[in-house]
Amino acid sequence: MTLSVEQSAAVYEKYARLLAEGKEDEAGKYIGEQLPNLPEDLRNKIIALMLNQSLIDEARELETIHGIQEAGLAAAEKLEELKKNLKEDK
């Protein structure tokens, strides 16, 4: 069953309200449940937007992991330098 324009608008309004309330998980679940009922062109646009957001989120996570790895390497190098200095002081 494909929703009418008015019904599709109501789905969007509820989705937007959930997001505005900070209920991202609930909003995602809701739109996922409603997706099969939306008109195909709208469904395709939503799927493209969701895919794009997933890629952005993944890139941010990879960026964070890279930063943590760099900090870890810098700390390990500093520890090695401190060990070397301690041995030289003995």
PDB file of N, CA and C in Angstrom:
ATOM      1  N   MET A   1       0.843  -1.175   0.000  1.00  0.00           N
ATOM      2  CA  MET A   1       0.000   0.000   0.000  1.00  0.00           C
ATOM      3  C   MET A   1       0.893   1.244   0.000  1.00  0.00           C
ATOM      4  N   THR A   2       0.726   2.078  -1.000  1.00  0.00           N
ATOM      5  CA  THR A   2       1.488   3.317  -1.074  1.00  0.00           C
ATOM      6  C   THR A   2       0.690   4.432  -0.412  1.00  0.00           C
ATOM      7  N   LEU A   3       1.370   5.190   0.417  1.00  0.00           N
ATOM      8  CA  LEU A   3       0.720   6.286   1.127  1.00  0.00           C
ATOM      9  C   LEU A   3       0.435   7.461   0.195  1.00  0.00           C
ATOM     10  N   SER A   4      -0.598   8.192   0.522  1.00  0.00           N
ATOM     11  CA  SER A   4      -0.922   9.406  -0.224  1.00  0.00           C
ATOM     12  C   SER A   4       0.079  10.500   0.136  1.00  0.00           C
ATOM     13  N   VAL A   5      -0.002  11.615  -0.560  1.00  0.00           N
ATOM     14  CA  VAL A   5       0.872  12.744  -0.274  1.00  0.00           C
ATOM     15  C   VAL A   5       0.662  13.215   1.162  1.00  0.00           C
ATOM     16  N   GLU A   6      -0.585  13.295   1.589  1.00  0.00           N
ATOM     17  CA  GLU A   6      -0.893  13.746   2.950  1.00  0.00           C
ATOM     18  C   GLU A   6      -0.353  12.765   3.988  1.00  0.00           C
ATOM     19  N   GLN A   7      -0.521  11.478   3.712  1.00  0.00           N
ATOM     20  CA  GLN A   7      -0.024  10.470   4.644  1.00  0.00           C
ATOM     21  C   GLN A   7       1.510  10.486   4.695  1.00  0.00           C
ATOM     22  N   SER A   8       2.124  10.676   3.540  1.00  0.00           N
ATOM     23  CA  SER A   8       3.583  10.764   3.474  1.00  0.00           C
ATOM     24  C   SER A   8       4.071  11.972   4.267  1.00  0.00           C
ATOM     25  N   ALA A   9       3.339  13.083   4.160  1.00  0.00           N
ATOM     26  CA  ALA A   9       3.694  14.292   4.912  1.00  0.00           C
ATOM     27  C   ALA A   9       3.591  14.033   6.411  1.00  0.00           C
ATOM     28  N   ALA A  10       2.565  13.282   6.814  1.00  0.00           N
ATOM     29  CA  ALA A  10       2.395  12.958   8.230  1.00  0.00           C
ATOM     30  C   ALA A  10       3.557  12.087   8.721  1.00  0.00           C
ATOM     31  N   VAL A  11       4.003  11.162   7.891  1.00  0.00           N
ATOM     32  CA  VAL A  11       5.153  10.322   8.245  1.00  0.00           C
ATOM     33  C   VAL A  11       6.379  11.206   8.442  1.00  0.00           C
ATOM     34  N   TYR A  12       6.593  12.120   7.508  1.00  0.00           N
ATOM     35  CA  TYR A  12       7.738  13.025   7.610  1.00  0.00           C
ATOM     36  C   TYR A  12       7.655  13.877   8.875  1.00  0.00           C
ATOM     37  N   GLU A  13       6.479  14.397   9.170  1.00  0.00           N
ATOM     38  CA  GLU A  13       6.315  15.249  10.353  1.00  0.00           C
ATOM     39  C   GLU A  13       6.642  14.490  11.635  1.00  0.00           C
ATOM     40  N   LYS A  14       6.170  13.248  11.711  1.00  0.00           N
ATOM     41  CA  LYS A  14       6.470  12.448  12.901  1.00  0.00           C
ATOM     42  C   LYS A  14       7.964  12.152  12.975  1.00  0.00           C
ATOM     43  N   TYR A  15       8.555  11.822  11.845  1.00  0.00           N
ATOM     44  CA  TYR A  15       9.989  11.552  11.787  1.00  0.00           C
ATOM     45  C   TYR A  15      10.781  12.781  12.230  1.00  0.00           C
ATOM     46  N   ALA A  16      10.431  13.945  11.706  1.00  0.00           N
ATOM     47  CA  ALA A  16      11.113  15.193  12.051  1.00  0.00           C
ATOM     48  C   ALA A  16      10.935  15.522  13.532  1.00  0.00           C
ATOM     49  N   ARG A  17       9.749  15.262  14.067  1.00  0.00           N
ATOM     50  CA  ARG A  17       9.487  15.526  15.483  1.00  0.00           C
ATOM     51  C   ARG A  17      10.359  14.636  16.367  1.00  0.00           C
ATOM     52  N   LEU A  18      10.450  13.361  16.004  1.00  0.00           N
ATOM     53  CA  LEU A  18      11.288  12.441  16.779  1.00  0.00           C
ATOM     54  C   LEU A  18      12.749  12.893  16.757  1.00  0.00           C
ATOM     55  N   LEU A  19      13.218  13.317  15.595  1.00  0.00           N
ATOM     56  CA  LEU A  19      14.595  13.814  15.510  1.00  0.00           C
ATOM     57  C   LEU A  19      14.781  15.061  16.359  1.00  0.00           C
ATOM     58  N   ALA A  20      13.818  15.968  16.296  1.00  0.00           N
ATOM     59  CA  ALA A  20      13.901  17.211  17.063  1.00  0.00           C
ATOM     60  C   ALA A  20      13.921  16.927  18.566  1.00  0.00           C
ATOM     61  N   GLU A  21      13.275  15.854  18.979  1.00  0.00           N
ATOM     62  CA  GLU A  21      13.246  15.463  20.387  1.00  0.00           C
ATOM     63  C   GLU A  21      14.498  14.683  20.791  1.00  0.00           C
ATOM     64  N   GLY A  22      15.405  14.482  19.841  1.00  0.00           N
ATOM     65  CA  GLY A  22      16.636  13.757  20.135  1.00  0.00           C
ATOM     66  C   GLY A  22      16.477  12.250  20.169  1.00  0.00           C
ATOM     67  N   LYS A  23      15.427  11.749  19.574  1.00  0.00           N
ATOM     68  CA  LYS A  23      15.159  10.309  19.574  1.00  0.00           C
ATOM     69  C   LYS A  23      15.578   9.711  18.233  1.00  0.00           C
ATOM     70  N   GLU A  24      16.888   9.787  17.930  1.00  0.00           N
ATOM     71  CA  GLU A  24      17.392   9.347  16.637  1.00  0.00           C
ATOM     72  C   GLU A  24      17.122   7.875  16.371  1.00  0.00           C
ATOM     73  N   ASP A  25      17.331   7.032  17.381  1.00  0.00           N
ATOM     74  CA  ASP A  25      17.106   5.594  17.194  1.00  0.00           C
ATOM     75  C   ASP A  25      15.643   5.306  16.886  1.00  0.00           C
ATOM     76  N   GLU A  26      14.765   5.929  17.653  1.00  0.00           N
ATOM     77  CA  GLU A  26      13.334   5.732  17.433  1.00  0.00           C
ATOM     78  C   GLU A  26      12.920   6.263  16.056  1.00  0.00           C
ATOM     79  N   ALA A  27      13.487   7.407  15.661  1.00  0.00           N
ATOM     80  CA  ALA A  27      13.173   7.994  14.353  1.00  0.00           C
ATOM     81  C   ALA A  27      13.630   7.070  13.231  1.00  0.00           C
ATOM     82  N   GLY A  28      14.830   6.522  13.371  1.00  0.00           N
ATOM     83  CA  GLY A  28      15.344   5.601  12.358  1.00  0.00           C
ATOM     84  C   GLY A  28      14.495   4.359  12.231  1.00  0.00           C
ATOM     85  N   LYS A  29      14.084   3.822  13.373  1.00  0.00           N
ATOM     86  CA  LYS A  29      13.224   2.630  13.360  1.00  0.00           C
ATOM     87  C   LYS A  29      11.881   2.960  12.709  1.00  0.00           C
ATOM     88  N   TYR A  30      11.333   4.108  13.056  1.00  0.00           N
ATOM     89  CA  TYR A  30      10.030   4.518  12.515  1.00  0.00           C
ATOM     90  C   TYR A  30      10.087   4.676  10.994  1.00  0.00           C
ATOM     91  N   ILE A  31      11.097   5.396  10.511  1.00  0.00           N
ATOM     92  CA  ILE A  31      11.159   5.621   9.067  1.00  0.00           C
ATOM     93  C   ILE A  31      11.434   4.312   8.338  1.00  0.00           C
ATOM     94  N   GLY A  32      12.205   3.424   8.968  1.00  0.00           N
ATOM     95  CA  GLY A  32      12.448   2.104   8.377  1.00  0.00           C
ATOM     96  C   GLY A  32      11.166   1.297   8.231  1.00  0.00           C
ATOM     97  N   GLU A  33      10.299   1.408   9.226  1.00  0.00           N
ATOM     98  CA  GLU A  33       9.015   0.704   9.175  1.00  0.00           C
ATOM     99  C   GLU A  33       8.098   1.299   8.112  1.00  0.00           C
ATOM    100  N   GLN A  34       8.170   2.607   7.948  1.00  0.00           N
ATOM    101  CA  GLN A  34       7.290   3.305   7.002  1.00  0.00           C
ATOM    102  C   GLN A  34       7.803   3.274   5.567  1.00  0.00           C
ATOM    103  N   LEU A  35       9.073   3.010   5.378  1.00  0.00           N
ATOM    104  CA  LEU A  35       9.699   3.064   4.064  1.00  0.00           C
ATOM    105  C   LEU A  35       8.952   2.266   2.984  1.00  0.00           C
ATOM    106  N   PRO A  36       8.549   1.038   3.250  1.00  0.00           N
ATOM    107  CA  PRO A  36       7.861   0.276   2.201  1.00  0.00           C
ATOM    108  C   PRO A  36       6.537   0.911   1.744  1.00  0.00           C
ATOM    109  N   ASN A  37       5.935   1.733   2.583  1.00  0.00           N
ATOM    110  CA  ASN A  37       4.643   2.332   2.249  1.00  0.00           C
ATOM    111  C   ASN A  37       4.762   3.663   1.505  1.00  0.00           C
ATOM    112  N   LEU A  38       5.954   4.217   1.458  1.00  0.00           N
ATOM    113  CA  LEU A  38       6.145   5.514   0.820  1.00  0.00           C
ATOM    114  C   LEU A  38       6.233   5.357  -0.699  1.00  0.00           C
ATOM    115  N   PRO A  39       5.900   6.413  -1.425  1.00  0.00           N
ATOM    116  CA  PRO A  39       6.040   6.363  -2.881  1.00  0.00           C
ATOM    117  C   PRO A  39       7.492   6.052  -3.265  1.00  0.00           C
ATOM    118  N   GLU A  40       7.678   5.342  -4.356  1.00  0.00           N
ATOM    119  CA  GLU A  40       8.998   4.855  -4.740  1.00  0.00           C
ATOM    120  C   GLU A  40      10.040   5.972  -4.864  1.00  0.00           C
ATOM    121  N   ASP A  41       9.687   7.088  -5.477  1.00  0.00           N
ATOM    122  CA  ASP A  41      10.672   8.164  -5.642  1.00  0.00           C
ATOM    123  C   ASP A  41      11.114   8.716  -4.287  1.00  0.00           C
ATOM    124  N   LEU A  42      10.189   8.874  -3.369  1.00  0.00           N
ATOM    125  CA  LEU A  42      10.520   9.352  -2.026  1.00  0.00           C
ATOM    126  C   LEU A  42      11.340   8.307  -1.276  1.00  0.00           C
ATOM    127  N   ARG A  43      10.946   7.055  -1.415  1.00  0.00           N
ATOM    128  CA  ARG A  43      11.660   5.942  -0.771  1.00  0.00           C
ATOM    129  C   ARG A  43      13.121   5.925  -1.244  1.00  0.00           C
ATOM    130  N   ASN A  44      13.328   6.086  -2.546  1.00  0.00           N
ATOM    131  CA  ASN A  44      14.690   6.075  -3.093  1.00  0.00           C
ATOM    132  C   ASN A  44      15.506   7.254  -2.576  1.00  0.00           C
ATOM    133  N   LYS A  45      14.890   8.415  -2.442  1.00  0.00           N
ATOM    134  CA  LYS A  45      15.596   9.586  -1.924  1.00  0.00           C
ATOM    135  C   LYS A  45      15.994   9.376  -0.464  1.00  0.00           C
ATOM    136  N   ILE A  46      15.088   8.818   0.314  1.00  0.00           N
ATOM    137  CA  ILE A  46      15.369   8.567   1.732  1.00  0.00           C
ATOM    138  C   ILE A  46      16.499   7.552   1.873  1.00  0.00           C
ATOM    139  N   ILE A  47      16.455   6.496   1.078  1.00  0.00           N
ATOM    140  CA  ILE A  47      17.507   5.475   1.134  1.00  0.00           C
ATOM    141  C   ILE A  47      18.852   6.089   0.770  1.00  0.00           C
ATOM    142  N   ALA A  48      18.878   6.938  -0.254  1.00  0.00           N
ATOM    143  CA  ALA A  48      20.130   7.599  -0.655  1.00  0.00           C
ATOM    144  C   ALA A  48      20.653   8.491   0.472  1.00  0.00           C
ATOM    145  N   LEU A  49      19.757   9.228   1.121  1.00  0.00           N
ATOM    146  CA  LEU A  49      20.168  10.087   2.231  1.00  0.00           C
ATOM    147  C   LEU A  49      20.694   9.272   3.403  1.00  0.00           C
ATOM    148  N   MET A  50      20.036   8.156   3.688  1.00  0.00           N
ATOM    149  CA  MET A  50      20.472   7.304   4.796  1.00  0.00           C
ATOM    150  C   MET A  50      21.851   6.700   4.494  1.00  0.00           C
ATOM    151  N   LEU A  51      22.053   6.285   3.251  1.00  0.00           N
ATOM    152  CA  LEU A  51      23.345   5.731   2.854  1.00  0.00           C
ATOM    153  C   LEU A  51      24.426   6.796   2.973  1.00  0.00           C
ATOM    154  N   ASN A  52      24.126   7.989   2.497  1.00  0.00           N
ATOM    155  CA  ASN A  52      25.077   9.095   2.589  1.00  0.00           C
ATOM    156  C   ASN A  52      25.438   9.385   4.045  1.00  0.00           C
ATOM    157  N   GLN A  53      24.449   9.427   4.929  1.00  0.00           N
ATOM    158  CA  GLN A  53      24.701   9.689   6.347  1.00  0.00           C
ATOM    159  C   GLN A  53      25.540   8.573   6.963  1.00  0.00           C
ATOM    160  N   SER A  54      25.279   7.336   6.553  1.00  0.00           N
ATOM    161  CA  SER A  54      26.070   6.216   7.064  1.00  0.00           C
ATOM    162  C   SER A  54      27.529   6.349   6.659  1.00  0.00           C
ATOM    163  N   LEU A  55      27.759   6.772   5.419  1.00  0.00           N
ATOM    164  CA  LEU A  55      29.133   6.957   4.951  1.00  0.00           C
ATOM    165  C   LEU A  55      29.831   8.080   5.715  1.00  0.00           C
ATOM    166  N   ILE A  56      29.112   9.154   5.981  1.00  0.00           N
ATOM    167  CA  ILE A  56      29.670  10.270   6.753  1.00  0.00           C
ATOM    168  C   ILE A  56      30.013   9.807   8.166  1.00  0.00           C
ATOM    169  N   ASP A  57      29.090   9.068   8.792  1.00  0.00           N
ATOM    170  CA  ASP A  57      29.333   8.556  10.147  1.00  0.00           C
ATOM    171  C   ASP A  57      30.554   7.632  10.175  1.00  0.00           C
ATOM    172  N   GLU A  58      30.660   6.768   9.173  1.00  0.00           N
ATOM    173  CA  GLU A  58      31.790   5.839   9.091  1.00  0.00           C
ATOM    174  C   GLU A  58      33.101   6.609   8.939  1.00  0.00           C
ATOM    175  N   ALA A  59      33.107   7.638   8.105  1.00  0.00           N
ATOM    176  CA  ALA A  59      34.313   8.442   7.909  1.00  0.00           C
ATOM    177  C   ALA A  59      34.725   9.126   9.213  1.00  0.00           C
ATOM    178  N   ARG A  60      33.762   9.622   9.953  1.00  0.00           N
ATOM    179  CA  ARG A  60      34.062  10.270  11.235  1.00  0.00           C
ATOM    180  C   ARG A  60      34.648   9.275  12.231  1.00  0.00           C
ATOM    181  N   GLU A  61      34.088   8.068  12.246  1.00  0.00           N
ATOM    182  CA  GLU A  61      34.605   7.045  13.148  1.00  0.00           C
ATOM    183  C   GLU A  61      36.042   6.679  12.787  1.00  0.00           C
ATOM    184  N   LEU A  62      36.307   6.536  11.488  1.00  0.00           N
ATOM    185  CA  LEU A  62      37.661   6.214  11.046  1.00  0.00           C
ATOM    186  C   LEU A  62      38.633   7.336  11.391  1.00  0.00           C
ATOM    187  N   GLU A  63      38.181   8.564  11.265  1.00  0.00           N
ATOM    188  CA  GLU A  63      39.001   9.717  11.622  1.00  0.00           C
ATOM    189  C   GLU A  63      39.340   9.692  13.115  1.00  0.00           C
ATOM    190  N   THR A  64      38.360   9.373  13.936  1.00  0.00           N
ATOM    191  CA  THR A  64      38.566   9.286  15.381  1.00  0.00           C
ATOM    192  C   THR A  64      39.547   8.167  15.718  1.00  0.00           C
ATOM    193  N   ILE A  65      39.362   7.021  15.092  1.00  0.00           N
ATOM    194  CA  ILE A  65      40.266   5.882  15.332  1.00  0.00           C
ATOM    195  C   ILE A  65      41.691   6.253  14.933  1.00  0.00           C
ATOM    196  N   HIS A  66      41.829   6.926  13.805  1.00  0.00           N
ATOM    197  CA  HIS A  66      43.159   7.343  13.342  1.00  0.00           C
ATOM    198  C   HIS A  66      43.809   8.279  14.363  1.00  0.00           C
ATOM    199  N   GLY A  67      43.039   9.211  14.893  1.00  0.00           N
ATOM    200  CA  GLY A  67      43.561  10.132  15.901  1.00  0.00           C
ATOM    201  C   GLY A  67      44.019   9.410  17.152  1.00  0.00           C
ATOM    202  N   ILE A  68      43.238   8.428  17.576  1.00  0.00           N
ATOM    203  CA  ILE A  68      43.596   7.642  18.761  1.00  0.00           C
ATOM    204  C   ILE A  68      44.874   6.847  18.506  1.00  0.00           C
ATOM    205  N   GLN A  69      44.972   6.265  17.307  1.00  0.00           N
ATOM    206  CA  GLN A  69      46.176   5.506  16.970  1.00  0.00           C
ATOM    207  C   GLN A  69      47.411   6.402  16.956  1.00  0.00           C
ATOM    208  N   GLU A  70      47.292   7.593  16.390  1.00  0.00           N
ATOM    209  CA  GLU A  70      48.421   8.522  16.371  1.00  0.00           C
ATOM    210  C   GLU A  70      48.840   8.906  17.787  1.00  0.00           C
ATOM    211  N   ALA A  71      47.863   9.162  18.651  1.00  0.00           N
ATOM    212  CA  ALA A  71      48.172   9.509  20.037  1.00  0.00           C
ATOM    213  C   ALA A  71      48.853   8.341  20.740  1.00  0.00           C
ATOM    214  N   GLY A  72      48.400   7.135  20.465  1.00  0.00           N
ATOM    215  CA  GLY A  72      49.008   5.948  21.062  1.00  0.00           C
ATOM    216  C   GLY A  72      50.452   5.762  20.614  1.00  0.00           C
ATOM    217  N   LEU A  73      50.703   5.970  19.334  1.00  0.00           N
ATOM    218  CA  LEU A  73      52.069   5.860  18.826  1.00  0.00           C
ATOM    219  C   LEU A  73      52.975   6.929  19.439  1.00  0.00           C
ATOM    220  N   ALA A  74      52.459   8.142  19.551  1.00  0.00           N
ATOM    221  CA  ALA A  74      53.245   9.225  20.153  1.00  0.00           C
ATOM    222  C   ALA A  74      53.568   8.890  21.603  1.00  0.00           C
ATOM    223  N   ALA A  75      52.601   8.339  22.325  1.00  0.00           N
ATOM    224  CA  ALA A  75      52.828   7.967  23.725  1.00  0.00           C
ATOM    225  C   ALA A  75      53.854   6.841  23.821  1.00  0.00           C
ATOM    226  N   ALA A  76      53.778   5.867  22.934  1.00  0.00           N
ATOM    227  CA  ALA A  76      54.736   4.756  22.942  1.00  0.00           C
ATOM    228  C   ALA A  76      56.147   5.265  22.649  1.00  0.00           C
ATOM    229  N   GLU A  77      56.273   6.186  21.706  1.00  0.00           N
ATOM    230  CA  GLU A  77      57.584   6.762  21.388  1.00  0.00           C
ATOM    231  C   GLU A  77      58.144   7.526  22.593  1.00  0.00           C
ATOM    232  N   LYS A  78      57.284   8.247  23.271  1.00  0.00           N
ATOM    233  CA  LYS A  78      57.709   9.000  24.457  1.00  0.00           C
ATOM    234  C   LYS A  78      58.172   8.041  25.553  1.00  0.00           C
ATOM    235  N   LEU A  79      57.438   6.948  25.739  1.00  0.00           N
ATOM    236  CA  LEU A  79      57.832   5.953  26.740  1.00  0.00           C
ATOM    237  C   LEU A  79      59.193   5.342  26.411  1.00  0.00           C
ATOM    238  N   GLU A  80      59.416   5.041  25.155  1.00  0.00           N
ATOM    239  CA  GLU A  80      60.709   4.479  24.752  1.00  0.00           C
ATOM    240  C   GLU A  80      61.830   5.476  25.020  1.00  0.00           C
ATOM    241  N   GLU A  81      61.569   6.744  24.746  1.00  0.00           N
ATOM    242  CA  GLU A  81      62.560   7.786  25.008  1.00  0.00           C
ATOM    243  C   GLU A  81      62.855   7.879  26.506  1.00  0.00           C
ATOM    244  N   LEU A  82      61.814   7.815  27.332  1.00  0.00           N
ATOM    245  CA  LEU A  82      62.000   7.861  28.786  1.00  0.00           C
ATOM    246  C   LEU A  82      62.789   6.651  29.279  1.00  0.00           C
ATOM    247  N   LYS A  83      62.496   5.459  28.744  1.00  0.00           N
ATOM    248  CA  LYS A  83      63.232   4.257  29.123  1.00  0.00           C
ATOM    249  C   LYS A  83      64.714   4.407  28.779  1.00  0.00           C
ATOM    250  N   LYS A  84      64.960   4.922  27.588  1.00  0.00           N
ATOM    251  CA  LYS A  84      66.354   5.108  27.142  1.00  0.00           C
ATOM    252  C   LYS A  84      67.078   6.078  28.074  1.00  0.00           C
ATOM    253  N   ASN A  85      66.410   7.170  28.424  1.00  0.00           N
ATOM    254  CA  ASN A  85      67.006   8.155  29.334  1.00  0.00           C
ATOM    255  C   ASN A  85      67.273   7.565  30.722  1.00  0.00           C
ATOM    256  N   LEU A  86      66.375   6.758  31.204  1.00  0.00           N
ATOM    257  CA  LEU A  86      66.569   6.106  32.517  1.00  0.00           C
ATOM    258  C   LEU A  86      67.763   5.183  32.492  1.00  0.00           C
ATOM    259  N   LYS A  87      67.926   4.415  31.432  1.00  0.00           N
ATOM    260  CA  LYS A  87      69.071   3.494  31.316  1.00  0.00           C
ATOM    261  C   LYS A  87      70.385   4.268  31.255  1.00  0.00           C
ATOM    262  N   GLU A  88      70.344   5.406  30.551  1.00  0.00           N
ATOM    263  CA  GLU A  88      71.566   6.213  30.422  1.00  0.00           C
ATOM    264  C   GLU A  88      71.937   6.851  31.747  1.00  0.00           C
ATOM    265  N   ASP A  89      70.949   7.168  32.574  1.00  0.00           N
ATOM    266  CA  ASP A  89      71.206   7.800  33.879  1.00  0.00           C
ATOM    267  C   ASP A  89      71.776   6.815  34.896  1.00  0.00           C
ATOM    268  N   LYS A  90      71.599   5.555  34.685  1.00  0.00           N
ATOM    269  CA  LYS A  90      72.082   4.544  35.657  1.00  0.00           C
ATOM    270  C   LYS A  90      73.542   4.338  35.607  1.00  0.00           C
TER     271      LYS A  90
END
